[in-house]
């Protein structure tokens, strides 16, 4: 097994780790988490598909193949590592990232590593390096390794909701939407459902990584507008009701949905409670056994999920503003659950 460090984004406390682990689980032949520091996840993995992870990840900056982990407070620890880490004879560049107030500073680490590599006969090339050494400084540790994959996080900026042909307030930002699609563990070529499609932000992120997106939206105005956002993408958007999904049993590989909330949210049901109960029952019916459903709500809905037959794997929160905190549930559709047997 090789050791890898995921240089995580700091924009959410828990989702970056969850996203990285979800993809490592399906894009390796075996892995285990060995350490978790502030904004840095360390795993050991066999046959990790770095190219695929680089294309999909939203809340990770880079993945590095770990060569050494030093104690930042131990004198000489960094120098010892820089003097002995195994490296190919290639021109290099050293870059470090300091997490929050961790010490030492990034430029000090870069100089120290560079000094010992120079002594070993390596040649630096800042413009056209043949290899990039990365150092992550966090929680009293310095993780050093070779850059193995880099995510294009800037591409998400061009897909911000207000820049799309059709905009509607209250939608997920692209990086958040992509991370939830990744956590669903749906692969390219499989089908992902969003039964509250809205402006299709979740489906767009799914389609861009080769997933077949299927959306249901109850408002004809949103279906018409969102169709403009889907131009050029392999995605189906249907005018319909999440409480009566037009699909066969166990035919979808996963679901990601942001439920209606807020005063402006329009629902076609007796109440939001009734909408959730009926929709979850339908989602249990159409999602394949042992596949994931990711659901966002404006309150805890643990009981509704378990009553519908889903097993909750993880729970996260996302504070949007003072009056809204999203509750994010990572759940799995279990086969023949007790909740469904007695329906």
C-alpha atoms as a PDB file:
ATOM      1  CA  UNK A   1       0.000   0.000   0.000  1.00  0.00           C
ATOM      2  CA  UNK A   2       1.079   3.565  -0.700  1.00  0.00           C
ATOM      3  CA  UNK A   3       0.417   6.407   1.694  1.00  0.00           C
ATOM      4  CA  UNK A   4      -1.463   9.478   0.486  1.00  0.00           C
ATOM      5  CA  UNK A   5      -2.346  12.804   2.052  1.00  0.00           C
ATOM      6  CA  UNK A   6      -5.421  14.736   0.962  1.00  0.00           C
ATOM      7  CA  UNK A   7      -4.875  18.473   1.333  1.00  0.00           C
ATOM      8  CA  UNK A   8      -8.443  19.352   2.301  1.00  0.00           C
ATOM      9  CA  UNK A   9     -10.380  22.558   1.834  1.00  0.00           C
ATOM     10  CA  UNK A  10     -11.222  24.570   4.922  1.00  0.00           C
ATOM     11  CA  UNK A  11     -14.619  25.750   3.675  1.00  0.00           C
ATOM     12  CA  UNK A  12     -16.457  23.044   5.618  1.00  0.00           C
ATOM     13  CA  UNK A  13     -15.409  21.256   8.785  1.00  0.00           C
ATOM     14  CA  UNK A  14     -16.480  17.679   8.009  1.00  0.00           C
ATOM     15  CA  UNK A  15     -17.572  17.250   4.381  1.00  0.00           C
ATOM     16  CA  UNK A  16     -14.084  17.343   2.761  1.00  0.00           C
ATOM     17  CA  UNK A  17     -12.966  14.269   4.709  1.00  0.00           C
ATOM     18  CA  UNK A  18     -16.237  12.484   3.965  1.00  0.00           C
ATOM     19  CA  UNK A  19     -15.902  13.202   0.239  1.00  0.00           C
ATOM     20  CA  UNK A  20     -12.291  11.992   0.093  1.00  0.00           C
ATOM     21  CA  UNK A  21     -13.093   8.749   1.932  1.00  0.00           C
ATOM     22  CA  UNK A  22     -16.180   8.083  -0.213  1.00  0.00           C
ATOM     23  CA  UNK A  23     -14.133   8.273  -3.419  1.00  0.00           C
ATOM     24  CA  UNK A  24     -11.150   6.373  -2.007  1.00  0.00           C
ATOM     25  CA  UNK A  25     -13.544   3.572  -1.133  1.00  0.00           C
ATOM     26  CA  UNK A  26     -14.780   3.105  -4.706  1.00  0.00           C
ATOM     27  CA  UNK A  27     -11.600   4.058  -6.608  1.00  0.00           C
ATOM     28  CA  UNK A  28      -9.095   1.771  -4.888  1.00  0.00           C
ATOM     29  CA  UNK A  29      -8.814  -1.956  -4.368  1.00  0.00           C
ATOM     30  CA  UNK A  30      -8.378  -1.405  -0.653  1.00  0.00           C
ATOM     31  CA  UNK A  31      -7.671   1.473   1.721  1.00  0.00           C
ATOM     32  CA  UNK A  32      -7.580   2.474   5.367  1.00  0.00           C
ATOM     33  CA  UNK A  33      -7.467   5.814   7.113  1.00  0.00           C
ATOM     34  CA  UNK A  34      -4.324   6.191   9.211  1.00  0.00           C
ATOM     35  CA  UNK A  35      -4.563   9.782  10.489  1.00  0.00           C
ATOM     36  CA  UNK A  36      -6.720  12.870  10.317  1.00  0.00           C
ATOM     37  CA  UNK A  37      -5.295  16.295  11.053  1.00  0.00           C
ATOM     38  CA  UNK A  38      -6.791  19.736  10.573  1.00  0.00           C
ATOM     39  CA  UNK A  39      -7.473  19.924   6.796  1.00  0.00           C
ATOM     40  CA  UNK A  40      -5.340  16.860   6.087  1.00  0.00           C
ATOM     41  CA  UNK A  41      -6.462  13.255   5.705  1.00  0.00           C
ATOM     42  CA  UNK A  42      -3.869  10.446   5.563  1.00  0.00           C
ATOM     43  CA  UNK A  43      -4.770   7.080   4.037  1.00  0.00           C
ATOM     44  CA  UNK A  44      -3.003   3.947   2.862  1.00  0.00           C
ATOM     45  CA  UNK A  45      -4.404   2.580  -0.395  1.00  0.00           C
ATOM     46  CA  UNK A  46      -3.797   0.029  -3.133  1.00  0.00           C
ATOM     47  CA  UNK A  47      -4.311   1.019  -6.776  1.00  0.00           C
ATOM     48  CA  UNK A  48      -5.822   4.401  -5.957  1.00  0.00           C
ATOM     49  CA  UNK A  49      -7.162   5.961  -9.180  1.00  0.00           C
ATOM     50  CA  UNK A  50      -5.534   9.365  -8.796  1.00  0.00           C
ATOM     51  CA  UNK A  51      -6.645  10.605 -12.202  1.00  0.00           C
ATOM     52  CA  UNK A  52     -10.292   9.948 -11.401  1.00  0.00           C
ATOM     53  CA  UNK A  53     -10.032  11.555  -7.970  1.00  0.00           C
ATOM     54  CA  UNK A  54      -8.361  14.610  -9.460  1.00  0.00           C
ATOM     55  CA  UNK A  55     -11.278  15.007 -11.879  1.00  0.00           C
ATOM     56  CA  UNK A  56     -14.024  14.490  -9.300  1.00  0.00           C
ATOM     57  CA  UNK A  57     -12.953  15.995  -5.985  1.00  0.00           C
ATOM     58  CA  UNK A  58     -14.404  19.382  -5.050  1.00  0.00           C
ATOM     59  CA  UNK A  59     -13.288  19.946  -1.454  1.00  0.00           C
ATOM     60  CA  UNK A  60      -9.666  18.781  -1.798  1.00  0.00           C
ATOM     61  CA  UNK A  61      -6.863  20.957  -3.152  1.00  0.00           C
ATOM     62  CA  UNK A  62      -4.285  18.254  -3.858  1.00  0.00           C
ATOM     63  CA  UNK A  63      -3.333  14.671  -3.170  1.00  0.00           C
ATOM     64  CA  UNK A  64       0.288  13.945  -2.331  1.00  0.00           C
ATOM     65  CA  UNK A  65       2.116  10.639  -2.123  1.00  0.00           C
ATOM     66  CA  UNK A  66       3.554  10.799   1.375  1.00  0.00           C
ATOM     67  CA  UNK A  67       7.304  10.360   1.779  1.00  0.00           C
ATOM     68  CA  UNK A  68       7.714  11.492   5.379  1.00  0.00           C
ATOM     69  CA  UNK A  69       5.764  12.826   8.350  1.00  0.00           C
ATOM     70  CA  UNK A  70       7.802  14.973  10.748  1.00  0.00           C
ATOM     71  CA  UNK A  71       7.185  16.316  14.207  1.00  0.00           C
ATOM     72  CA  UNK A  72       7.179  20.104  13.697  1.00  0.00           C
ATOM     73  CA  UNK A  73       8.349  20.776  17.247  1.00  0.00           C
ATOM     74  CA  UNK A  74      11.301  18.364  17.217  1.00  0.00           C
ATOM     75  CA  UNK A  75      14.584  20.080  16.251  1.00  0.00           C
ATOM     76  CA  UNK A  76      16.193  18.480  13.214  1.00  0.00           C
ATOM     77  CA  UNK A  77      13.157  16.385  12.294  1.00  0.00           C
ATOM     78  CA  UNK A  78      12.488  18.220   9.036  1.00  0.00           C
ATOM     79  CA  UNK A  79      16.189  18.299   8.125  1.00  0.00           C
ATOM     80  CA  UNK A  80      16.475  14.552   8.715  1.00  0.00           C
ATOM     81  CA  UNK A  81      13.473  13.881   6.481  1.00  0.00           C
ATOM     82  CA  UNK A  82      14.717  16.180   3.705  1.00  0.00           C
ATOM     83  CA  UNK A  83      18.086  14.456   3.829  1.00  0.00           C
ATOM     84  CA  UNK A  84      16.716  10.957   3.415  1.00  0.00           C
ATOM     85  CA  UNK A  85      13.419  10.959   1.497  1.00  0.00           C
ATOM     86  CA  UNK A  86      13.675   8.815  -1.671  1.00  0.00           C
ATOM     87  CA  UNK A  87      13.315  10.913  -4.823  1.00  0.00           C
ATOM     88  CA  UNK A  88      13.904  10.420  -8.542  1.00  0.00           C
ATOM     89  CA  UNK A  89      16.672  12.499 -10.125  1.00  0.00           C
ATOM     90  CA  UNK A  90      14.405  15.208 -11.516  1.00  0.00           C
ATOM     91  CA  UNK A  91      14.248  18.985 -11.343  1.00  0.00           C
ATOM     92  CA  UNK A  92      12.020  19.997  -8.483  1.00  0.00           C
ATOM     93  CA  UNK A  93       9.930  22.728  -6.917  1.00  0.00           C
ATOM     94  CA  UNK A  94       8.986  22.832  -3.218  1.00  0.00           C
ATOM     95  CA  UNK A  95       5.724  24.337  -2.049  1.00  0.00           C
ATOM     96  CA  UNK A  96       4.274  24.277   1.467  1.00  0.00           C
ATOM     97  CA  UNK A  97       0.852  25.076   2.858  1.00  0.00           C
ATOM     98  CA  UNK A  98       0.425  26.191   6.435  1.00  0.00           C
ATOM     99  CA  UNK A  99      -2.932  25.344   7.982  1.00  0.00           C
ATOM    100  CA  UNK A 100      -4.202  28.238  10.101  1.00  0.00           C
ATOM    101  CA  UNK A 101      -1.603  29.219  12.714  1.00  0.00           C
ATOM    102  CA  UNK A 102       0.453  26.034  12.563  1.00  0.00           C
ATOM    103  CA  UNK A 103       4.220  26.446  12.830  1.00  0.00           C
ATOM    104  CA  UNK A 104       6.727  26.675  11.245  1.00  0.00           C
ATOM    105  CA  UNK A 105       5.766  29.075   8.466  1.00  0.00           C
ATOM    106  CA  UNK A 106       5.432  27.816   4.911  1.00  0.00           C
ATOM    107  CA  UNK A 107       8.415  29.748   3.502  1.00  0.00           C
ATOM    108  CA  UNK A 108      10.667  28.424   6.274  1.00  0.00           C
ATOM    109  CA  UNK A 109       9.745  24.836   5.395  1.00  0.00           C
ATOM    110  CA  UNK A 110      10.295  25.473   1.687  1.00  0.00           C
ATOM    111  CA  UNK A 111      13.762  26.917   2.321  1.00  0.00           C
ATOM    112  CA  UNK A 112      14.766  24.117   4.693  1.00  0.00           C
ATOM    113  CA  UNK A 113      13.704  21.339   2.331  1.00  0.00           C
ATOM    114  CA  UNK A 114      15.266  23.095  -0.643  1.00  0.00           C
ATOM    115  CA  UNK A 115      18.561  23.549   1.190  1.00  0.00           C
ATOM    116  CA  UNK A 116      18.948  19.842   1.908  1.00  0.00           C
ATOM    117  CA  UNK A 117      17.866  18.799  -1.571  1.00  0.00           C
ATOM    118  CA  UNK A 118      20.528  21.129  -3.003  1.00  0.00           C
ATOM    119  CA  UNK A 119      23.108  19.457  -0.783  1.00  0.00           C
ATOM    120  CA  UNK A 120      22.009  16.113  -2.180  1.00  0.00           C
ATOM    121  CA  UNK A 121      22.654  17.325  -5.703  1.00  0.00           C
ATOM    122  CA  UNK A 122      19.095  18.014  -6.807  1.00  0.00           C
ATOM    123  CA  UNK A 123      18.400  20.958  -9.098  1.00  0.00           C
ATOM    124  CA  UNK A 124      15.503  23.342  -8.479  1.00  0.00           C
ATOM    125  CA  UNK A 125      13.363  24.663 -11.339  1.00  0.00           C
ATOM    126  CA  UNK A 126      10.506  26.923 -10.240  1.00  0.00           C
ATOM    127  CA  UNK A 127       9.115  27.494 -13.751  1.00  0.00           C
ATOM    128  CA  UNK A 128       9.205  24.017 -15.286  1.00  0.00           C
ATOM    129  CA  UNK A 129       9.737  21.463 -12.522  1.00  0.00           C
ATOM    130  CA  UNK A 130       9.668  17.761 -13.326  1.00  0.00           C
ATOM    131  CA  UNK A 131       8.329  17.010  -9.854  1.00  0.00           C
ATOM    132  CA  UNK A 132       6.568  19.087  -7.199  1.00  0.00           C
ATOM    133  CA  UNK A 133       7.211  18.435  -3.527  1.00  0.00           C
ATOM    134  CA  UNK A 134       4.403  19.501  -1.221  1.00  0.00           C
ATOM    135  CA  UNK A 135       4.509  20.037   2.518  1.00  0.00           C
ATOM    136  CA  UNK A 136       1.396  20.385   4.676  1.00  0.00           C
ATOM    137  CA  UNK A 137       1.975  22.020   8.060  1.00  0.00           C
ATOM    138  CA  UNK A 138      -0.818  21.151  10.478  1.00  0.00           C
ATOM    139  CA  UNK A 139      -1.459  20.099  14.079  1.00  0.00           C
ATOM    140  CA  UNK A 140       2.232  19.968  14.976  1.00  0.00           C
ATOM    141  CA  UNK A 141       3.109  17.808  11.970  1.00  0.00           C
ATOM    142  CA  UNK A 142       4.786  18.398   8.626  1.00  0.00           C
ATOM    143  CA  UNK A 143       3.641  15.989   5.929  1.00  0.00           C
ATOM    144  CA  UNK A 144       6.028  15.870   2.950  1.00  0.00           C
ATOM    145  CA  UNK A 145       5.420  14.155  -0.353  1.00  0.00           C
ATOM    146  CA  UNK A 146       5.206  14.311  -4.126  1.00  0.00           C
ATOM    147  CA  UNK A 147       2.194  15.981  -5.683  1.00  0.00           C
ATOM    148  CA  UNK A 148       0.188  13.133  -7.217  1.00  0.00           C
ATOM    149  CA  UNK A 149      -3.033  14.893  -8.226  1.00  0.00           C
ATOM    150  CA  UNK A 150      -4.338  18.439  -8.299  1.00  0.00           C
ATOM    151  CA  UNK A 151      -8.001  19.412  -8.499  1.00  0.00           C
ATOM    152  CA  UNK A 152      -9.257  22.221 -10.713  1.00  0.00           C
ATOM    153  CA  UNK A 153     -11.240  24.054  -8.052  1.00  0.00           C
ATOM    154  CA  UNK A 154     -11.283  27.263 -10.113  1.00  0.00           C
ATOM    155  CA  UNK A 155     -13.585  25.628 -12.677  1.00  0.00           C
ATOM    156  CA  UNK A 156     -16.423  25.712 -10.156  1.00  0.00           C
ATOM    157  CA  UNK A 157     -16.339  29.520 -10.024  1.00  0.00           C
ATOM    158  CA  UNK A 158     -17.652  29.796 -13.578  1.00  0.00           C
ATOM    159  CA  UNK A 159     -20.662  27.671 -12.603  1.00  0.00           C
ATOM    160  CA  UNK A 160     -21.829  29.797  -9.688  1.00  0.00           C
ATOM    161  CA  UNK A 161     -25.643  29.950  -9.674  1.00  0.00           C
ATOM    162  CA  UNK A 162     -26.026  33.615 -10.682  1.00  0.00           C
ATOM    163  CA  UNK A 163     -23.778  33.090 -13.730  1.00  0.00           C
ATOM    164  CA  UNK A 164     -25.977  30.376 -15.244  1.00  0.00           C
ATOM    165  CA  UNK A 165     -28.566  31.146 -17.943  1.00  0.00           C
ATOM    166  CA  UNK A 166     -31.388  30.560 -15.437  1.00  0.00           C
ATOM    167  CA  UNK A 167     -31.095  31.579 -11.788  1.00  0.00           C
ATOM    168  CA  UNK A 168     -33.305  30.975  -8.782  1.00  0.00           C
ATOM    169  CA  UNK A 169     -32.287  31.918  -5.201  1.00  0.00           C
ATOM    170  CA  UNK A 170     -31.492  29.462  -2.427  1.00  0.00           C
ATOM    171  CA  UNK A 171     -29.541  26.870  -4.433  1.00  0.00           C
ATOM    172  CA  UNK A 172     -26.371  24.973  -3.568  1.00  0.00           C
ATOM    173  CA  UNK A 173     -23.001  26.289  -4.641  1.00  0.00           C
ATOM    174  CA  UNK A 174     -21.262  24.065  -7.248  1.00  0.00           C
ATOM    175  CA  UNK A 175     -18.482  22.765  -4.965  1.00  0.00           C
ATOM    176  CA  UNK A 176     -21.017  21.759  -2.324  1.00  0.00           C
ATOM    177  CA  UNK A 177     -23.213  20.080  -4.933  1.00  0.00           C
ATOM    178  CA  UNK A 178     -20.253  18.183  -6.428  1.00  0.00           C
ATOM    179  CA  UNK A 179     -19.060  17.001  -3.018  1.00  0.00           C
ATOM    180  CA  UNK A 180     -22.498  15.553  -2.257  1.00  0.00           C
ATOM    181  CA  UNK A 181     -22.593  13.789  -5.633  1.00  0.00           C
ATOM    182  CA  UNK A 182     -19.184  12.313  -4.808  1.00  0.00           C
ATOM    183  CA  UNK A 183     -20.289  11.203  -1.356  1.00  0.00           C
ATOM    184  CA  UNK A 184     -23.214   9.381  -3.008  1.00  0.00           C
ATOM    185  CA  UNK A 185     -20.571   7.091  -4.620  1.00  0.00           C
ATOM    186  CA  UNK A 186     -22.393   7.042  -7.953  1.00  0.00           C
ATOM    187  CA  UNK A 187     -19.942   6.301 -10.784  1.00  0.00           C
ATOM    188  CA  UNK A 188     -19.737   7.489 -14.374  1.00  0.00           C
ATOM    189  CA  UNK A 189     -22.366   5.699 -16.476  1.00  0.00           C
ATOM    190  CA  UNK A 190     -24.691   5.140 -13.512  1.00  0.00           C
ATOM    191  CA  UNK A 191     -27.954   7.011 -12.846  1.00  0.00           C
ATOM    192  CA  UNK A 192     -28.400   9.641 -10.143  1.00  0.00           C
ATOM    193  CA  UNK A 193     -31.779  11.105  -9.188  1.00  0.00           C
ATOM    194  CA  UNK A 194     -32.611  14.559  -7.852  1.00  0.00           C
ATOM    195  CA  UNK A 195     -36.386  14.603  -7.191  1.00  0.00           C
ATOM    196  CA  UNK A 196     -36.335  18.317  -6.242  1.00  0.00           C
ATOM    197  CA  UNK A 197     -34.228  19.392  -9.197  1.00  0.00           C
ATOM    198  CA  UNK A 198     -34.910  23.152  -9.134  1.00  0.00           C
ATOM    199  CA  UNK A 199     -32.307  24.841 -11.339  1.00  0.00           C
ATOM    200  CA  UNK A 200     -30.425  21.509 -11.662  1.00  0.00           C
ATOM    201  CA  UNK A 201     -27.192  22.500  -9.882  1.00  0.00           C
ATOM    202  CA  UNK A 202     -26.765  18.987  -8.459  1.00  0.00           C
ATOM    203  CA  UNK A 203     -27.459  17.317 -11.806  1.00  0.00           C
ATOM    204  CA  UNK A 204     -25.037  19.583 -13.664  1.00  0.00           C
ATOM    205  CA  UNK A 205     -22.205  18.546 -11.352  1.00  0.00           C
ATOM    206  CA  UNK A 206     -23.159  14.893 -11.778  1.00  0.00           C
ATOM    207  CA  UNK A 207     -23.279  15.088 -15.579  1.00  0.00           C
ATOM    208  CA  UNK A 208     -19.898  16.821 -15.793  1.00  0.00           C
ATOM    209  CA  UNK A 209     -18.255  13.701 -14.361  1.00  0.00           C
ATOM    210  CA  UNK A 210     -20.078  11.272 -16.637  1.00  0.00           C
ATOM    211  CA  UNK A 211     -23.031  10.366 -14.425  1.00  0.00           C
ATOM    212  CA  UNK A 212     -26.458  10.113 -16.042  1.00  0.00           C
ATOM    213  CA  UNK A 213     -28.537  12.718 -14.241  1.00  0.00           C
ATOM    214  CA  UNK A 214     -32.296  12.371 -13.845  1.00  0.00           C
ATOM    215  CA  UNK A 215     -34.298  15.232 -12.371  1.00  0.00           C
ATOM    216  CA  UNK A 216     -37.891  15.658 -11.236  1.00  0.00           C
ATOM    217  CA  UNK A 217     -39.333  19.147 -10.683  1.00  0.00           C
ATOM    218  CA  UNK A 218     -42.931  19.989  -9.820  1.00  0.00           C
ATOM    219  CA  UNK A 219     -42.904  23.597 -11.038  1.00  0.00           C
ATOM    220  CA  UNK A 220     -43.245  23.992 -14.806  1.00  0.00           C
ATOM    221  CA  UNK A 221     -41.585  27.419 -14.639  1.00  0.00           C
ATOM    222  CA  UNK A 222     -38.443  25.882 -13.121  1.00  0.00           C
ATOM    223  CA  UNK A 223     -38.415  22.999 -15.608  1.00  0.00           C
ATOM    224  CA  UNK A 224     -38.518  25.448 -18.497  1.00  0.00           C
ATOM    225  CA  UNK A 225     -35.787  27.670 -17.032  1.00  0.00           C
ATOM    226  CA  UNK A 226     -33.532  24.853 -15.824  1.00  0.00           C
ATOM    227  CA  UNK A 227     -33.572  23.250 -19.263  1.00  0.00           C
ATOM    228  CA  UNK A 228     -31.401  26.178 -20.399  1.00  0.00           C
ATOM    229  CA  UNK A 229     -28.841  25.295 -17.708  1.00  0.00           C
ATOM    230  CA  UNK A 230     -28.647  21.712 -18.995  1.00  0.00           C
ATOM    231  CA  UNK A 231     -27.781  22.623 -22.579  1.00  0.00           C
ATOM    232  CA  UNK A 232     -25.157  20.213 -23.945  1.00  0.00           C
ATOM    233  CA  UNK A 233     -25.380  17.801 -21.000  1.00  0.00           C
ATOM    234  CA  UNK A 234     -26.701  14.242 -20.936  1.00  0.00           C
ATOM    235  CA  UNK A 235     -29.480  14.823 -18.425  1.00  0.00           C
ATOM    236  CA  UNK A 236     -33.210  14.147 -18.236  1.00  0.00           C
ATOM    237  CA  UNK A 237     -35.473  16.689 -16.542  1.00  0.00           C
ATOM    238  CA  UNK A 238     -39.086  15.702 -16.025  1.00  0.00           C
ATOM    239  CA  UNK A 239     -42.070  17.737 -14.870  1.00  0.00           C
ATOM    240  CA  UNK A 240     -43.393  15.576 -12.070  1.00  0.00           C
ATOM    241  CA  UNK A 241     -44.028  14.969  -8.390  1.00  0.00           C
ATOM    242  CA  UNK A 242     -41.426  13.610  -5.962  1.00  0.00           C
ATOM    243  CA  UNK A 243     -44.275  11.843  -4.156  1.00  0.00           C
ATOM    244  CA  UNK A 244     -45.066   9.797  -7.281  1.00  0.00           C
ATOM    245  CA  UNK A 245     -41.821   9.004  -9.056  1.00  0.00           C
ATOM    246  CA  UNK A 246     -42.152   7.633 -12.623  1.00  0.00           C
ATOM    247  CA  UNK A 247     -39.541   4.892 -12.207  1.00  0.00           C
ATOM    248  CA  UNK A 248     -39.480   1.127 -11.720  1.00  0.00           C
ATOM    249  CA  UNK A 249     -38.487  -0.330  -8.357  1.00  0.00           C
ATOM    250  CA  UNK A 250     -34.747  -0.434  -7.555  1.00  0.00           C
ATOM    251  CA  UNK A 251     -33.645   1.128 -10.835  1.00  0.00           C
ATOM    252  CA  UNK A 252     -31.504   4.083  -9.706  1.00  0.00           C
ATOM    253  CA  UNK A 253     -27.918   4.010  -8.427  1.00  0.00           C
ATOM    254  CA  UNK A 254     -28.303   6.842  -5.946  1.00  0.00           C
ATOM    255  CA  UNK A 255     -30.035  10.105  -5.118  1.00  0.00           C
ATOM    256  CA  UNK A 256     -28.959  13.558  -3.986  1.00  0.00           C
ATOM    257  CA  UNK A 257     -31.636  16.065  -3.035  1.00  0.00           C
ATOM    258  CA  UNK A 258     -32.021  19.457  -1.430  1.00  0.00           C
ATOM    259  CA  UNK A 259     -35.540  19.534   0.019  1.00  0.00           C
ATOM    260  CA  UNK A 260     -37.716  22.677  -0.196  1.00  0.00           C
ATOM    261  CA  UNK A 261     -37.438  25.029   2.750  1.00  0.00           C
ATOM    262  CA  UNK A 262     -37.889  28.707   3.493  1.00  0.00           C
ATOM    263  CA  UNK A 263     -41.008  30.808   3.095  1.00  0.00           C
ATOM    264  CA  UNK A 264     -40.561  31.138  -0.666  1.00  0.00           C
ATOM    265  CA  UNK A 265     -40.424  27.377  -1.256  1.00  0.00           C
ATOM    266  CA  UNK A 266     -43.422  26.117  -3.187  1.00  0.00           C
ATOM    267  CA  UNK A 267     -44.637  22.629  -2.393  1.00  0.00           C
ATOM    268  CA  UNK A 268     -47.366  20.483  -3.911  1.00  0.00           C
ATOM    269  CA  UNK A 269     -48.438  18.668  -0.724  1.00  0.00           C
ATOM    270  CA  UNK A 270     -50.545  19.062   2.405  1.00  0.00           C
ATOM    271  CA  UNK A 271     -47.418  20.113   4.321  1.00  0.00           C
ATOM    272  CA  UNK A 272     -43.637  19.824   4.161  1.00  0.00           C
ATOM    273  CA  UNK A 273     -43.909  16.900   6.580  1.00  0.00           C
ATOM    274  CA  UNK A 274     -46.276  15.068   4.249  1.00  0.00           C
ATOM    275  CA  UNK A 275     -44.038  15.883   1.282  1.00  0.00           C
ATOM    276  CA  UNK A 276     -41.000  14.389   3.016  1.00  0.00           C
ATOM    277  CA  UNK A 277     -42.792  11.248   4.192  1.00  0.00           C
ATOM    278  CA  UNK A 278     -44.229  10.462   0.769  1.00  0.00           C
ATOM    279  CA  UNK A 279     -41.028  11.378  -1.084  1.00  0.00           C
ATOM    280  CA  UNK A 280     -38.827   9.236   1.161  1.00  0.00           C
ATOM    281  CA  UNK A 281     -41.125   6.277   0.643  1.00  0.00           C
ATOM    282  CA  UNK A 282     -40.761   6.686  -3.112  1.00  0.00           C
ATOM    283  CA  UNK A 283     -37.012   7.124  -2.883  1.00  0.00           C
ATOM    284  CA  UNK A 284     -36.736   3.902  -0.915  1.00  0.00           C
ATOM    285  CA  UNK A 285     -38.669   2.184  -3.678  1.00  0.00           C
ATOM    286  CA  UNK A 286     -36.584   3.417  -6.639  1.00  0.00           C
ATOM    287  CA  UNK A 287     -33.030   3.456  -5.226  1.00  0.00           C
ATOM    288  CA  UNK A 288     -31.174   0.156  -5.512  1.00  0.00           C
ATOM    289  CA  UNK A 289     -30.447  -1.787  -2.293  1.00  0.00           C
ATOM    290  CA  UNK A 290     -27.237  -0.814  -0.507  1.00  0.00           C
ATOM    291  CA  UNK A 291     -26.878   2.385  -2.544  1.00  0.00           C
ATOM    292  CA  UNK A 292     -26.744   5.852  -1.048  1.00  0.00           C
ATOM    293  CA  UNK A 293     -29.168   8.737  -0.759  1.00  0.00           C
ATOM    294  CA  UNK A 294     -27.925  12.178   0.311  1.00  0.00           C
ATOM    295  CA  UNK A 295     -30.633  14.503   1.602  1.00  0.00           C
ATOM    296  CA  UNK A 296     -30.511  18.101   2.854  1.00  0.00           C
ATOM    297  CA  UNK A 297     -33.193  19.525   5.111  1.00  0.00           C
ATOM    298  CA  UNK A 298     -33.689  22.587   7.300  1.00  0.00           C
ATOM    299  CA  UNK A 299     -34.083  20.464  10.441  1.00  0.00           C
ATOM    300  CA  UNK A 300     -33.150  17.040  11.806  1.00  0.00           C
ATOM    301  CA  UNK A 301     -35.166  14.306  10.046  1.00  0.00           C
ATOM    302  CA  UNK A 302     -33.558  11.231  11.567  1.00  0.00           C
ATOM    303  CA  UNK A 303     -36.891   9.641  12.433  1.00  0.00           C
ATOM    304  CA  UNK A 304     -38.386  10.165   8.989  1.00  0.00           C
ATOM    305  CA  UNK A 305     -35.367   8.531   7.343  1.00  0.00           C
ATOM    306  CA  UNK A 306     -35.324   5.473   9.567  1.00  0.00           C
ATOM    307  CA  UNK A 307     -39.113   5.096   9.309  1.00  0.00           C
ATOM    308  CA  UNK A 308     -38.739   5.077   5.522  1.00  0.00           C
ATOM    309  CA  UNK A 309     -36.173   2.269   5.741  1.00  0.00           C
ATOM    310  CA  UNK A 310     -32.920   4.170   5.302  1.00  0.00           C
ATOM    311  CA  UNK A 311     -29.892   3.652   7.510  1.00  0.00           C
ATOM    312  CA  UNK A 312     -28.124   6.888   8.446  1.00  0.00           C
ATOM    313  CA  UNK A 313     -24.369   6.593   7.911  1.00  0.00           C
ATOM    314  CA  UNK A 314     -23.297  10.174   8.632  1.00  0.00           C
ATOM    315  CA  UNK A 315     -24.764  13.527   9.630  1.00  0.00           C
ATOM    316  CA  UNK A 316     -23.318  16.941   8.816  1.00  0.00           C
ATOM    317  CA  UNK A 317     -24.493  20.515   9.271  1.00  0.00           C
ATOM    318  CA  UNK A 318     -23.924  23.550   7.069  1.00  0.00           C
ATOM    319  CA  UNK A 319     -24.696  26.986   8.510  1.00  0.00           C
ATOM    320  CA  UNK A 320     -25.930  29.110   5.614  1.00  0.00           C
ATOM    321  CA  UNK A 321     -26.897  32.201   7.612  1.00  0.00           C
ATOM    322  CA  UNK A 322     -28.268  33.106  11.025  1.00  0.00           C
ATOM    323  CA  UNK A 323     -31.731  31.696  10.392  1.00  0.00           C
ATOM    324  CA  UNK A 324     -30.808  28.672   8.272  1.00  0.00           C
ATOM    325  CA  UNK A 325     -28.648  25.658   9.014  1.00  0.00           C
ATOM    326  CA  UNK A 326     -28.753  22.822   6.540  1.00  0.00           C
ATOM    327  CA  UNK A 327     -28.814  19.303   7.976  1.00  0.00           C
ATOM    328  CA  UNK A 328     -27.080  16.851   5.635  1.00  0.00           C
ATOM    329  CA  UNK A 329     -27.820  13.142   5.972  1.00  0.00           C
ATOM    330  CA  UNK A 330     -25.744  10.453   4.274  1.00  0.00           C
ATOM    331  CA  UNK A 331     -27.978   7.402   4.227  1.00  0.00           C
ATOM    332  CA  UNK A 332     -28.142   4.015   2.547  1.00  0.00           C
ATOM    333  CA  UNK A 333     -31.134   2.070   1.298  1.00  0.00           C
ATOM    334  CA  UNK A 334     -31.053  -1.284   3.070  1.00  0.00           C
ATOM    335  CA  UNK A 335     -32.761  -4.285   1.510  1.00  0.00           C
ATOM    336  CA  UNK A 336     -35.871  -5.585   3.276  1.00  0.00           C
ATOM    337  CA  UNK A 337     -35.676  -3.168   6.188  1.00  0.00           C
ATOM    338  CA  UNK A 338     -38.174  -3.639   8.995  1.00  0.00           C
ATOM    339  CA  UNK A 339     -39.720  -0.248   8.240  1.00  0.00           C
ATOM    340  CA  UNK A 340     -40.658  -1.392   4.732  1.00  0.00           C
ATOM    341  CA  UNK A 341     -41.743  -4.918   5.698  1.00  0.00           C
ATOM    342  CA  UNK A 342     -44.653  -3.531   7.721  1.00  0.00           C
ATOM    343  CA  UNK A 343     -45.904  -1.087   5.092  1.00  0.00           C
END
